[in-house]
């Protein structure tokens, strides 16, 4: 899921220039980032590539499609993968996480579920549309507790 979606519109207004994004071509990336992008797109379709400033550090978001599922990666300037978001079916995540997401969404409609891996930490995130039509996201840990 797009990284901006996590922050919400109000947070972006407050943050002002704290987060900046620009679209890129692979050729314009630093060599280490190019290498990682090329490795990660060997068996994936490149959907988008952008540079973002987060907390004063430059990171690159690589958006791909693998087997008709989205797979997004955040890569630092040294070419290290910081996080991976893989689209999955709701039934494939731990039962406690699935239950917590379903309870949160209630009468709304889940539009996408992802596993989010940062180092050895794995969490689960659902994008959904509430009964009133509002779009939102909700993240949980494997045990169903809210993910921060």
C-alpha atoms as a PDB file:
ATOM      1  CA  UNK A   1       0.000   0.000   0.000  1.00  0.00           C
ATOM      2  CA  UNK A   2       1.231   3.424  -0.731  1.00  0.00           C
ATOM      3  CA  UNK A   3       3.250   4.763   2.165  1.00  0.00           C
ATOM      4  CA  UNK A   4       1.333   8.062   2.093  1.00  0.00           C
ATOM      5  CA  UNK A   5      -1.933   6.273   2.814  1.00  0.00           C
ATOM      6  CA  UNK A   6      -0.607   5.311   6.261  1.00  0.00           C
ATOM      7  CA  UNK A   7      -0.094   8.871   7.369  1.00  0.00           C
ATOM      8  CA  UNK A   8      -3.524  10.183   6.536  1.00  0.00           C
ATOM      9  CA  UNK A   9      -4.358  13.513   4.983  1.00  0.00           C
ATOM     10  CA  UNK A  10      -4.270  15.481   8.249  1.00  0.00           C
ATOM     11  CA  UNK A  11      -0.831  14.159   9.120  1.00  0.00           C
ATOM     12  CA  UNK A  12       0.470  15.194   5.709  1.00  0.00           C
ATOM     13  CA  UNK A  13      -0.855  18.705   6.222  1.00  0.00           C
ATOM     14  CA  UNK A  14       0.844  18.911   9.604  1.00  0.00           C
ATOM     15  CA  UNK A  15       4.074  17.391   8.346  1.00  0.00           C
ATOM     16  CA  UNK A  16       4.354  19.899   5.536  1.00  0.00           C
ATOM     17  CA  UNK A  17       7.660  19.237   3.851  1.00  0.00           C
ATOM     18  CA  UNK A  18       8.709  16.398   6.186  1.00  0.00           C
ATOM     19  CA  UNK A  19       7.810  13.866   3.506  1.00  0.00           C
ATOM     20  CA  UNK A  20       8.542  14.548  -0.125  1.00  0.00           C
ATOM     21  CA  UNK A  21       8.056  12.124  -2.996  1.00  0.00           C
ATOM     22  CA  UNK A  22       9.294  12.206  -6.558  1.00  0.00           C
ATOM     23  CA  UNK A  23       8.874   9.698  -9.384  1.00  0.00           C
ATOM     24  CA  UNK A  24      12.029   8.166 -10.840  1.00  0.00           C
ATOM     25  CA  UNK A  25      13.521   5.966 -13.522  1.00  0.00           C
ATOM     26  CA  UNK A  26      15.806   3.070 -12.545  1.00  0.00           C
ATOM     27  CA  UNK A  27      18.715   4.669 -14.414  1.00  0.00           C
ATOM     28  CA  UNK A  28      18.587   7.751 -12.187  1.00  0.00           C
ATOM     29  CA  UNK A  29      19.041   5.779  -8.944  1.00  0.00           C
ATOM     30  CA  UNK A  30      22.283   5.402  -6.998  1.00  0.00           C
ATOM     31  CA  UNK A  31      24.151   2.246  -8.154  1.00  0.00           C
ATOM     32  CA  UNK A  32      23.407   0.252  -4.970  1.00  0.00           C
ATOM     33  CA  UNK A  33      19.685   1.029  -5.234  1.00  0.00           C
ATOM     34  CA  UNK A  34      19.699   0.185  -8.966  1.00  0.00           C
ATOM     35  CA  UNK A  35      21.205  -3.211  -8.133  1.00  0.00           C
ATOM     36  CA  UNK A  36      18.500  -3.974  -5.553  1.00  0.00           C
ATOM     37  CA  UNK A  37      15.714  -2.765  -7.854  1.00  0.00           C
ATOM     38  CA  UNK A  38      17.041  -4.889 -10.736  1.00  0.00           C
ATOM     39  CA  UNK A  39      17.262  -7.955  -8.460  1.00  0.00           C
ATOM     40  CA  UNK A  40      13.755  -7.426  -7.107  1.00  0.00           C
ATOM     41  CA  UNK A  41      12.184  -6.918 -10.533  1.00  0.00           C
ATOM     42  CA  UNK A  42      13.676  -9.991 -12.258  1.00  0.00           C
ATOM     43  CA  UNK A  43      10.435 -11.924 -11.680  1.00  0.00           C
ATOM     44  CA  UNK A  44       8.141  -8.976 -11.065  1.00  0.00           C
ATOM     45  CA  UNK A  45       6.532  -6.190 -13.056  1.00  0.00           C
ATOM     46  CA  UNK A  46       7.775  -2.708 -12.139  1.00  0.00           C
ATOM     47  CA  UNK A  47       4.734  -0.548 -11.357  1.00  0.00           C
ATOM     48  CA  UNK A  48       6.311   2.509  -9.786  1.00  0.00           C
ATOM     49  CA  UNK A  49       9.478   3.900  -8.290  1.00  0.00           C
ATOM     50  CA  UNK A  50       9.774   6.972  -6.113  1.00  0.00           C
ATOM     51  CA  UNK A  51      12.169   8.757  -3.798  1.00  0.00           C
ATOM     52  CA  UNK A  52      10.907   9.941  -0.444  1.00  0.00           C
ATOM     53  CA  UNK A  53      12.350  11.923   2.430  1.00  0.00           C
ATOM     54  CA  UNK A  54      11.394  10.468   5.797  1.00  0.00           C
ATOM     55  CA  UNK A  55      12.880  11.920   8.937  1.00  0.00           C
ATOM     56  CA  UNK A  56      15.594  13.619   6.897  1.00  0.00           C
ATOM     57  CA  UNK A  57      16.690  10.357   5.209  1.00  0.00           C
ATOM     58  CA  UNK A  58      16.208   9.448   1.584  1.00  0.00           C
ATOM     59  CA  UNK A  59      14.454   6.150   0.884  1.00  0.00           C
ATOM     60  CA  UNK A  60      13.148   4.637  -2.327  1.00  0.00           C
ATOM     61  CA  UNK A  61       9.762   2.953  -2.736  1.00  0.00           C
ATOM     62  CA  UNK A  62       9.653   0.190  -5.312  1.00  0.00           C
ATOM     63  CA  UNK A  63       6.133  -0.843  -6.334  1.00  0.00           C
ATOM     64  CA  UNK A  64       5.839  -4.163  -8.155  1.00  0.00           C
ATOM     65  CA  UNK A  65       3.333  -6.830  -9.156  1.00  0.00           C
ATOM     66  CA  UNK A  66       4.136 -10.515  -8.680  1.00  0.00           C
ATOM     67  CA  UNK A  67       1.586 -13.116  -9.786  1.00  0.00           C
ATOM     68  CA  UNK A  68      -1.125 -10.421  -9.934  1.00  0.00           C
ATOM     69  CA  UNK A  69      -0.436  -9.361  -6.311  1.00  0.00           C
ATOM     70  CA  UNK A  70       1.211  -6.123  -5.226  1.00  0.00           C
ATOM     71  CA  UNK A  71       4.642  -6.213  -3.597  1.00  0.00           C
ATOM     72  CA  UNK A  72       6.126  -2.931  -2.386  1.00  0.00           C
ATOM     73  CA  UNK A  73       9.609  -2.452  -0.969  1.00  0.00           C
ATOM     74  CA  UNK A  74      11.300   0.416   0.839  1.00  0.00           C
ATOM     75  CA  UNK A  75      15.014   0.595   0.062  1.00  0.00           C
ATOM     76  CA  UNK A  76      17.631   2.834   1.659  1.00  0.00           C
ATOM     77  CA  UNK A  77      20.396   4.675  -0.216  1.00  0.00           C
ATOM     78  CA  UNK A  78      22.817   1.774   0.354  1.00  0.00           C
ATOM     79  CA  UNK A  79      20.439  -0.614  -1.446  1.00  0.00           C
ATOM     80  CA  UNK A  80      19.268  -2.335   1.747  1.00  0.00           C
ATOM     81  CA  UNK A  81      15.634  -3.420   1.838  1.00  0.00           C
ATOM     82  CA  UNK A  82      14.055  -1.839   4.915  1.00  0.00           C
ATOM     83  CA  UNK A  83      10.531  -3.201   4.534  1.00  0.00           C
ATOM     84  CA  UNK A  84       8.401  -5.357   2.256  1.00  0.00           C
ATOM     85  CA  UNK A  85       4.624  -5.266   1.865  1.00  0.00           C
ATOM     86  CA  UNK A  86       3.166  -8.356   0.181  1.00  0.00           C
ATOM     87  CA  UNK A  87      -0.494  -8.556  -0.802  1.00  0.00           C
ATOM     88  CA  UNK A  88      -2.053 -11.768   0.537  1.00  0.00           C
ATOM     89  CA  UNK A  89      -5.458 -13.359   1.001  1.00  0.00           C
ATOM     90  CA  UNK A  90      -7.121 -12.664   4.353  1.00  0.00           C
ATOM     91  CA  UNK A  91      -7.372 -16.403   5.042  1.00  0.00           C
ATOM     92  CA  UNK A  92      -3.579 -16.788   4.915  1.00  0.00           C
ATOM     93  CA  UNK A  93      -2.773 -14.586   7.911  1.00  0.00           C
ATOM     94  CA  UNK A  94      -2.793 -15.778  11.549  1.00  0.00           C
ATOM     95  CA  UNK A  95      -6.300 -16.356  12.924  1.00  0.00           C
ATOM     96  CA  UNK A  96      -5.971 -13.727  15.690  1.00  0.00           C
ATOM     97  CA  UNK A  97      -4.880 -11.080  13.154  1.00  0.00           C
ATOM     98  CA  UNK A  98      -7.700 -12.054  10.787  1.00  0.00           C
ATOM     99  CA  UNK A  99     -10.283 -11.849  13.569  1.00  0.00           C
ATOM    100  CA  UNK A 100      -9.040  -8.432  14.751  1.00  0.00           C
ATOM    101  CA  UNK A 101      -9.183  -7.049  11.201  1.00  0.00           C
ATOM    102  CA  UNK A 102     -12.673  -8.430  10.623  1.00  0.00           C
ATOM    103  CA  UNK A 103     -13.906  -6.942  13.909  1.00  0.00           C
ATOM    104  CA  UNK A 104     -12.411  -3.534  13.051  1.00  0.00           C
ATOM    105  CA  UNK A 105     -13.871  -3.511   9.547  1.00  0.00           C
ATOM    106  CA  UNK A 106     -17.238  -4.867  10.767  1.00  0.00           C
ATOM    107  CA  UNK A 107     -19.835  -4.065   8.095  1.00  0.00           C
ATOM    108  CA  UNK A 108     -17.265  -2.398   5.842  1.00  0.00           C
ATOM    109  CA  UNK A 109     -15.449  -4.034   2.927  1.00  0.00           C
ATOM    110  CA  UNK A 110     -11.829  -5.193   3.001  1.00  0.00           C
ATOM    111  CA  UNK A 111     -10.135  -4.159  -0.238  1.00  0.00           C
ATOM    112  CA  UNK A 112      -6.588  -5.419   0.363  1.00  0.00           C
ATOM    113  CA  UNK A 113      -4.588  -7.344   2.970  1.00  0.00           C
ATOM    114  CA  UNK A 114      -0.802  -7.269   3.222  1.00  0.00           C
ATOM    115  CA  UNK A 115       1.939  -8.787   5.304  1.00  0.00           C
ATOM    116  CA  UNK A 116       4.406  -6.067   6.295  1.00  0.00           C
ATOM    117  CA  UNK A 117       7.926  -7.276   7.028  1.00  0.00           C
ATOM    118  CA  UNK A 118      10.516  -4.978   8.626  1.00  0.00           C
ATOM    119  CA  UNK A 119      13.627  -6.947   9.486  1.00  0.00           C
ATOM    120  CA  UNK A 120      12.375  -9.907  11.510  1.00  0.00           C
ATOM    121  CA  UNK A 121       9.131  -8.142  12.522  1.00  0.00           C
ATOM    122  CA  UNK A 122       5.981  -9.160  10.640  1.00  0.00           C
ATOM    123  CA  UNK A 123       2.630  -7.417  10.934  1.00  0.00           C
ATOM    124  CA  UNK A 124      -0.564  -7.373   8.885  1.00  0.00           C
ATOM    125  CA  UNK A 125      -2.366  -4.447   7.333  1.00  0.00           C
ATOM    126  CA  UNK A 126      -5.808  -4.197   5.771  1.00  0.00           C
ATOM    127  CA  UNK A 127      -7.154  -1.456   3.538  1.00  0.00           C
ATOM    128  CA  UNK A 128     -10.907  -1.182   3.750  1.00  0.00           C
ATOM    129  CA  UNK A 129     -13.928   0.929   3.006  1.00  0.00           C
ATOM    130  CA  UNK A 130     -16.198   1.569   5.977  1.00  0.00           C
ATOM    131  CA  UNK A 131     -19.964   1.165   5.811  1.00  0.00           C
ATOM    132  CA  UNK A 132     -20.200   4.958   5.372  1.00  0.00           C
ATOM    133  CA  UNK A 133     -17.816   4.821   2.395  1.00  0.00           C
ATOM    134  CA  UNK A 134     -14.696   6.158   4.134  1.00  0.00           C
ATOM    135  CA  UNK A 135     -11.382   4.535   3.108  1.00  0.00           C
ATOM    136  CA  UNK A 136      -9.026   3.538   5.904  1.00  0.00           C
ATOM    137  CA  UNK A 137      -6.265   1.145   6.926  1.00  0.00           C
ATOM    138  CA  UNK A 138      -5.777  -0.950  10.032  1.00  0.00           C
ATOM    139  CA  UNK A 139      -2.615  -2.771  11.096  1.00  0.00           C
ATOM    140  CA  UNK A 140      -2.258  -5.609  13.592  1.00  0.00           C
ATOM    141  CA  UNK A 141       0.377  -7.955  14.947  1.00  0.00           C
ATOM    142  CA  UNK A 142       0.060 -11.737  14.612  1.00  0.00           C
ATOM    143  CA  UNK A 143      -1.702 -11.905  17.995  1.00  0.00           C
ATOM    144  CA  UNK A 144      -4.348  -9.407  16.845  1.00  0.00           C
ATOM    145  CA  UNK A 145      -3.091  -6.443  18.881  1.00  0.00           C
ATOM    146  CA  UNK A 146      -2.980  -3.110  17.020  1.00  0.00           C
ATOM    147  CA  UNK A 147       0.326  -2.463  15.241  1.00  0.00           C
ATOM    148  CA  UNK A 148       1.941   0.901  15.879  1.00  0.00           C
END
